């Protein structure tokens, strides 16, 4: 992902008002992010923990940001679920049903779309974990490249669902 500024993020929201975008708090480590290892930027608002943000910049294009809401009380502890974006089987983190207002008039009418995403948006890191070499996957580096491509495709699909 290309490096972007907080102002670019604020101006790229497709489902938030200008005042909501102006109130966002960037991630605490924003100035030290390793942009080369991010497929999208996602974080939970440190001052509003039920609010999350995802910024996509498909193929280095213009960024598109989405404001999300997490469920009150967090994830249910009686079952494990798979993140729809990274689909990491071995991820140690929780997965939440994050919900986003749809863009445009549909969102103003109260329509939303939701998907299961890692609670703290660790998807880019999860996709880069190399599996052990075995008969099925003799080249772990190729598996990682495939995981990264899948993450990008599924993130773009979620973005298009919010835009509908």
Protein backbone atom coordinates (compact mmCIF):
# COMPACT_ATOMS: atom_id res chain seq x y z
CA UNK A 1 0.00 0.00 0.00
CA UNK A 2 1.21 3.50 -0.78
CA UNK A 3 1.80 5.85 2.14
CA UNK A 4 -1.13 8.22 2.70
CA UNK A 5 -1.80 11.11 5.05
CA UNK A 6 -4.47 11.49 7.70
CA UNK A 7 -6.04 14.25 5.58
CA UNK A 8 -6.25 11.88 2.58
CA UNK A 9 -7.96 9.33 4.82
CA UNK A 10 -10.46 11.88 6.13
CA UNK A 11 -11.38 13.00 2.62
CA UNK A 12 -11.78 9.45 1.25
CA UNK A 13 -14.68 8.11 3.35
CA UNK A 14 -17.51 6.64 1.32
CA UNK A 15 -19.92 5.98 4.20
CA UNK A 16 -19.22 8.67 6.80
CA UNK A 17 -20.16 12.32 7.06
CA UNK A 18 -17.49 15.01 7.01
CA UNK A 19 -17.97 15.59 10.73
CA UNK A 20 -17.57 11.86 11.50
CA UNK A 21 -14.42 11.76 9.38
CA UNK A 22 -13.06 14.87 11.09
CA UNK A 23 -13.47 13.21 14.52
CA UNK A 24 -11.50 10.09 13.65
CA UNK A 25 -8.40 9.38 15.68
CA UNK A 26 -5.56 7.92 13.59
CA UNK A 27 -3.76 4.82 14.84
CA UNK A 28 -1.21 5.58 17.53
CA UNK A 29 1.62 4.15 15.42
CA UNK A 30 0.55 5.97 12.23
CA UNK A 31 3.90 7.73 11.73
CA UNK A 32 5.85 4.46 11.97
CA UNK A 33 3.65 2.16 9.88
CA UNK A 34 5.41 -0.19 7.47
CA UNK A 35 3.28 0.66 4.42
CA UNK A 36 5.00 -1.98 2.27
CA UNK A 37 3.58 -4.73 4.48
CA UNK A 38 -0.01 -3.43 4.45
CA UNK A 39 -2.66 -4.50 1.97
CA UNK A 40 -5.09 -2.10 3.64
CA UNK A 41 -4.90 0.08 6.72
CA UNK A 42 -7.31 -0.90 9.45
CA UNK A 43 -7.54 0.20 13.07
CA UNK A 44 -9.85 0.62 16.02
CA UNK A 45 -10.41 4.16 17.22
CA UNK A 46 -8.50 4.43 20.53
CA UNK A 47 -11.12 6.81 21.96
CA UNK A 48 -14.16 4.94 20.60
CA UNK A 49 -13.30 1.21 20.79
CA UNK A 50 -16.48 0.05 19.04
CA UNK A 51 -15.57 2.10 15.97
CA UNK A 52 -13.12 0.88 13.37
CA UNK A 53 -11.80 2.18 10.08
CA UNK A 54 -10.46 0.52 6.97
CA UNK A 55 -8.64 2.35 4.19
CA UNK A 56 -8.21 0.59 0.85
CA UNK A 57 -6.03 1.81 -1.97
CA UNK A 58 -6.53 -0.82 -4.67
CA UNK A 59 -3.49 -1.14 -6.94
CA UNK A 60 -2.04 2.12 -5.64
CA UNK A 61 -5.15 4.01 -6.72
CA UNK A 62 -7.16 6.65 -4.91
CA UNK A 63 -7.85 5.63 -1.29
CA UNK A 64 -11.36 4.68 -0.18
CA UNK A 65 -12.16 4.60 3.53
CA UNK A 66 -14.95 2.83 5.39
CA UNK A 67 -16.17 3.48 8.91
CA UNK A 68 -17.23 0.31 10.78
CA UNK A 69 -18.94 -0.59 14.02
CA UNK A 70 -18.07 -3.57 16.21
CA UNK A 71 -20.61 -5.48 18.30
CA UNK A 72 -21.08 -4.46 21.91
CA UNK A 73 -19.45 -7.00 24.19
CA UNK A 74 -16.98 -8.25 21.58
CA UNK A 75 -16.88 -11.71 20.07
CA UNK A 76 -18.83 -14.66 21.40
CA UNK A 77 -16.43 -16.97 23.19
CA UNK A 78 -18.24 -20.26 22.58
CA UNK A 79 -17.11 -20.69 18.97
CA UNK A 80 -14.35 -19.75 16.61
CA UNK A 81 -15.01 -17.93 13.38
CA UNK A 82 -12.83 -17.23 10.36
CA UNK A 83 -12.00 -13.72 9.19
CA UNK A 84 -13.54 -13.24 5.77
CA UNK A 85 -10.65 -11.08 4.56
CA UNK A 86 -7.47 -12.94 5.55
CA UNK A 87 -9.04 -16.37 6.15
CA UNK A 88 -6.18 -17.23 8.47
CA UNK A 89 -6.78 -20.58 10.13
CA UNK A 90 -4.06 -20.19 12.75
CA UNK A 91 -4.65 -16.55 13.75
CA UNK A 92 -4.67 -16.14 17.52
CA UNK A 93 -6.86 -13.02 17.42
CA UNK A 94 -10.62 -12.60 17.85
CA UNK A 95 -12.88 -12.05 14.86
CA UNK A 96 -15.83 -9.64 15.02
CA UNK A 97 -18.82 -9.04 12.83
CA UNK A 98 -17.94 -5.51 11.73
CA UNK A 99 -20.88 -3.57 10.27
CA UNK A 100 -20.64 -0.62 7.88
CA UNK A 101 -23.32 1.74 6.66
CA UNK A 102 -23.72 1.51 2.92
CA UNK A 103 -22.55 4.47 0.87
CA UNK A 104 -24.91 7.09 -0.49
CA UNK A 105 -28.67 7.24 -0.10
CA UNK A 106 -28.86 3.56 0.82
CA UNK A 107 -26.72 4.21 3.90
CA UNK A 108 -28.69 7.32 4.80
CA UNK A 109 -31.78 5.09 4.70
CA UNK A 110 -30.16 2.87 7.36
CA UNK A 111 -28.94 0.01 5.18
CA UNK A 112 -25.79 -1.73 6.34
CA UNK A 113 -23.47 -4.51 5.30
CA UNK A 114 -21.38 -6.62 7.62
CA UNK A 115 -18.57 -9.12 7.44
CA UNK A 116 -16.31 -11.03 9.78
CA UNK A 117 -12.94 -9.28 10.18
CA UNK A 118 -10.10 -9.67 12.66
CA UNK A 119 -10.94 -7.63 15.77
CA UNK A 120 -7.83 -5.48 15.50
CA UNK A 121 -7.43 -5.67 11.70
CA UNK A 122 -4.29 -7.87 11.72
CA UNK A 123 -5.21 -9.32 8.31
CA UNK A 124 -2.12 -8.07 6.45
CA UNK A 125 0.18 -9.66 9.04
CA UNK A 126 -1.86 -12.88 9.09
CA UNK A 127 -1.66 -13.24 5.30
CA UNK A 128 2.14 -13.01 5.46
CA UNK A 129 2.64 -15.94 7.84
CA UNK A 130 4.45 -18.71 5.96
CA UNK A 131 3.05 -22.17 6.50
CA UNK A 132 5.47 -25.04 7.01
CA UNK A 133 6.57 -26.69 3.78
CA UNK A 134 4.75 -29.94 3.10
CA UNK A 135 3.57 -32.14 0.21
CA UNK A 136 0.55 -29.94 -0.46
CA UNK A 137 2.46 -26.65 -0.27
CA UNK A 138 6.12 -27.30 -1.11
CA UNK A 139 6.82 -23.56 -1.61
CA UNK A 140 5.68 -21.50 1.42
CA UNK A 141 6.59 -18.21 -0.30
CA UNK A 142 4.15 -19.01 -3.11
CA UNK A 143 1.45 -19.72 -0.54
CA UNK A 144 2.04 -16.30 1.05
CA UNK A 145 1.77 -14.57 -2.34
CA UNK A 146 -1.50 -16.40 -2.95
CA UNK A 147 -2.81 -15.42 0.51
CA UNK A 148 -1.91 -11.76 -0.12
CA UNK A 149 -3.66 -11.79 -3.50
CA UNK A 150 -6.75 -13.37 -1.95
CA UNK A 151 -6.80 -10.79 0.84
CA UNK A 152 -6.67 -7.98 -1.71
CA UNK A 153 -9.47 -9.49 -3.79
CA UNK A 154 -11.74 -10.06 -0.78
CA UNK A 155 -11.05 -6.55 0.57
CA UNK A 156 -11.99 -5.06 -2.81
CA UNK A 157 -15.16 -7.15 -2.83
CA UNK A 158 -16.15 -5.85 0.63
CA UNK A 159 -15.48 -2.29 -0.54
CA UNK A 160 -17.76 -2.79 -3.55
CA UNK A 161 -20.51 -4.21 -1.28
CA UNK A 162 -20.38 -1.05 0.85
CA UNK A 163 -20.52 1.12 -2.29
CA UNK A 164 -23.61 -0.65 -3.72
